[in-house]
Amino acid sequence: MEDSVADLAEKLIGMYPEIGDHNLNLDMEYKPEKEYWIIKLEKDDFKLHTFLDKKDAEACLGGVECIYLGVQIGQFVKNFEMLEREEK
């Protein structure tokens, strides 16, 4: 499973460059009984926990972007960018 975590993390970072661009902490946990991944993104006090089902994760490893996850990441980044601008 460790290889799967590393492979999926690498693929997600490649597909969604905002993870690296904004130095987001990416952590993942697989729940075999439910057949989904918990994707955790953090930056400072901002946290996003979302789910990626096994089928979507396998598609991601095959090079197919998960639209739902991309929208979640995009909104997460937008939220803290907006707050950072307001603080300046």
C-alpha atoms as a PDB file:
ATOM      1  CA  MET A   1       0.000   0.000   0.000  1.00  0.00           C
ATOM      2  CA  GLU A   2       2.940   2.364   0.624  1.00  0.00           C
ATOM      3  CA  ASP A   3       3.808   2.270  -3.087  1.00  0.00           C
ATOM      4  CA  SER A   4       0.200   3.143  -3.906  1.00  0.00           C
ATOM      5  CA  VAL A   5       0.292   6.140  -1.548  1.00  0.00           C
ATOM      6  CA  ALA A   6       3.534   7.443  -3.052  1.00  0.00           C
ATOM      7  CA  ASP A   7       2.354   6.816  -6.624  1.00  0.00           C
ATOM      8  CA  LEU A   8      -1.000   8.496  -6.055  1.00  0.00           C
ATOM      9  CA  ALA A   9       0.590  11.462  -4.256  1.00  0.00           C
ATOM     10  CA  GLU A  10       3.052  11.952  -7.112  1.00  0.00           C
ATOM     11  CA  LYS A  11       0.251  11.761  -9.681  1.00  0.00           C
ATOM     12  CA  LEU A  12      -1.963  14.225  -7.782  1.00  0.00           C
ATOM     13  CA  ILE A  13       0.891  16.702  -7.398  1.00  0.00           C
ATOM     14  CA  GLY A  14       1.589  16.420 -11.128  1.00  0.00           C
ATOM     15  CA  MET A  15      -2.064  16.834 -12.125  1.00  0.00           C
ATOM     16  CA  TYR A  16      -2.817  19.635  -9.702  1.00  0.00           C
ATOM     17  CA  PRO A  17       0.284  21.876  -9.669  1.00  0.00           C
ATOM     18  CA  GLU A  18      -1.355  24.273  -7.207  1.00  0.00           C
ATOM     19  CA  ILE A  19      -0.484  21.704  -4.506  1.00  0.00           C
ATOM     20  CA  GLY A  20       3.207  22.404  -5.042  1.00  0.00           C
ATOM     21  CA  ASP A  21       2.806  26.017  -6.149  1.00  0.00           C
ATOM     22  CA  HIS A  22       1.215  26.882  -2.801  1.00  0.00           C
ATOM     23  CA  ASN A  23       3.297  24.481  -0.688  1.00  0.00           C
ATOM     24  CA  LEU A  24       0.251  22.567   0.470  1.00  0.00           C
ATOM     25  CA  ASN A  25       0.819  19.649   2.784  1.00  0.00           C
ATOM     26  CA  LEU A  26      -0.697  16.546   1.152  1.00  0.00           C
ATOM     27  CA  ASP A  27      -1.551  13.505   3.231  1.00  0.00           C
ATOM     28  CA  MET A  28      -3.648  10.510   2.219  1.00  0.00           C
ATOM     29  CA  GLU A  29      -5.210   7.561   3.937  1.00  0.00           C
ATOM     30  CA  TYR A  30      -6.873   4.559   2.288  1.00  0.00           C
ATOM     31  CA  LYS A  31      -9.960   3.018   3.885  1.00  0.00           C
ATOM     32  CA  PRO A  32     -10.190  -0.516   2.448  1.00  0.00           C
ATOM     33  CA  GLU A  33     -13.526  -1.298   4.089  1.00  0.00           C
ATOM     34  CA  LYS A  34     -15.122   1.657   2.248  1.00  0.00           C
ATOM     35  CA  GLU A  35     -12.821   1.534  -0.822  1.00  0.00           C
ATOM     36  CA  TYR A  36     -11.943   5.211  -0.808  1.00  0.00           C
ATOM     37  CA  TRP A  37      -9.041   7.522  -0.066  1.00  0.00           C
ATOM     38  CA  ILE A  38      -9.187  10.421   2.340  1.00  0.00           C
ATOM     39  CA  ILE A  39      -7.225  13.246   0.727  1.00  0.00           C
ATOM     40  CA  LYS A  40      -6.002  15.818   3.243  1.00  0.00           C
ATOM     41  CA  LEU A  41      -4.588  19.177   2.222  1.00  0.00           C
ATOM     42  CA  GLU A  42      -3.324  21.733   4.703  1.00  0.00           C
ATOM     43  CA  LYS A  43      -1.752  25.162   4.639  1.00  0.00           C
ATOM     44  CA  ASP A  44      -1.345  27.096   7.863  1.00  0.00           C
ATOM     45  CA  ASP A  45      -4.775  27.037   9.549  1.00  0.00           C
ATOM     46  CA  PHE A  46      -6.593  25.946   6.373  1.00  0.00           C
ATOM     47  CA  LYS A  47      -7.563  22.291   6.056  1.00  0.00           C
ATOM     48  CA  LEU A  48      -9.415  20.335   3.411  1.00  0.00           C
ATOM     49  CA  HIS A  49     -10.405  16.701   3.840  1.00  0.00           C
ATOM     50  CA  THR A  50     -12.152  15.150   0.882  1.00  0.00           C
ATOM     51  CA  PHE A  51     -12.776  11.674  -0.454  1.00  0.00           C
ATOM     52  CA  LEU A  52     -11.557   9.983  -3.615  1.00  0.00           C
ATOM     53  CA  ASP A  53     -13.119   6.628  -4.342  1.00  0.00           C
ATOM     54  CA  LYS A  54     -10.950   3.713  -5.395  1.00  0.00           C
ATOM     55  CA  LYS A  55     -12.191   3.819  -8.990  1.00  0.00           C
ATOM     56  CA  ASP A  56     -11.304   7.508  -9.362  1.00  0.00           C
ATOM     57  CA  ALA A  57      -7.918   6.952  -7.730  1.00  0.00           C
ATOM     58  CA  GLU A  58      -7.164   4.140 -10.179  1.00  0.00           C
ATOM     59  CA  ALA A  59      -8.217   6.387 -13.076  1.00  0.00           C
ATOM     60  CA  CYS A  60      -5.960   9.107 -11.692  1.00  0.00           C
ATOM     61  CA  LEU A  61      -3.026   6.691 -11.643  1.00  0.00           C
ATOM     62  CA  GLY A  62      -3.862   6.009 -15.289  1.00  0.00           C
ATOM     63  CA  GLY A  63      -3.618   9.713 -16.118  1.00  0.00           C
ATOM     64  CA  VAL A  64      -7.294  10.747 -15.909  1.00  0.00           C
ATOM     65  CA  GLU A  65      -7.964  13.874 -13.836  1.00  0.00           C
ATOM     66  CA  CYS A  66     -10.724  13.744 -11.253  1.00  0.00           C
ATOM     67  CA  ILE A  67     -12.869  16.821 -11.900  1.00  0.00           C
ATOM     68  CA  TYR A  68     -14.427  16.728  -8.433  1.00  0.00           C
ATOM     69  CA  LEU A  69     -11.040  16.704  -6.726  1.00  0.00           C
ATOM     70  CA  GLY A  70      -9.745  19.471  -8.996  1.00  0.00           C
ATOM     71  CA  VAL A  71     -12.717  21.672  -8.079  1.00  0.00           C
ATOM     72  CA  GLN A  72     -12.177  20.976  -4.377  1.00  0.00           C
ATOM     73  CA  ILE A  73      -8.482  21.863  -4.592  1.00  0.00           C
ATOM     74  CA  GLY A  74      -9.221  24.978  -6.649  1.00  0.00           C
ATOM     75  CA  GLN A  75     -11.771  26.250  -4.118  1.00  0.00           C
ATOM     76  CA  PHE A  76      -9.423  25.478  -1.232  1.00  0.00           C
ATOM     77  CA  VAL A  77      -6.623  27.515  -2.843  1.00  0.00           C
ATOM     78  CA  LYS A  78      -9.001  30.344  -3.734  1.00  0.00           C
ATOM     79  CA  ASN A  79     -10.203  30.600  -0.116  1.00  0.00           C
ATOM     80  CA  PHE A  80      -6.790  31.066   1.460  1.00  0.00           C
ATOM     81  CA  GLU A  81      -5.522  33.293  -1.382  1.00  0.00           C
ATOM     82  CA  MET A  82      -8.487  35.596  -0.820  1.00  0.00           C
ATOM     83  CA  LEU A  83      -7.790  35.773   2.910  1.00  0.00           C
ATOM     84  CA  GLU A  84      -4.080  36.403   2.308  1.00  0.00           C
ATOM     85  CA  ARG A  85      -4.929  39.334   0.013  1.00  0.00           C
ATOM     86  CA  GLU A  86      -7.292  40.781   2.612  1.00  0.00           C
ATOM     87  CA  GLU A  87      -4.582  40.597   5.284  1.00  0.00           C
ATOM     88  CA  LYS A  88      -2.115  42.652   3.208  1.00  0.00           C
END
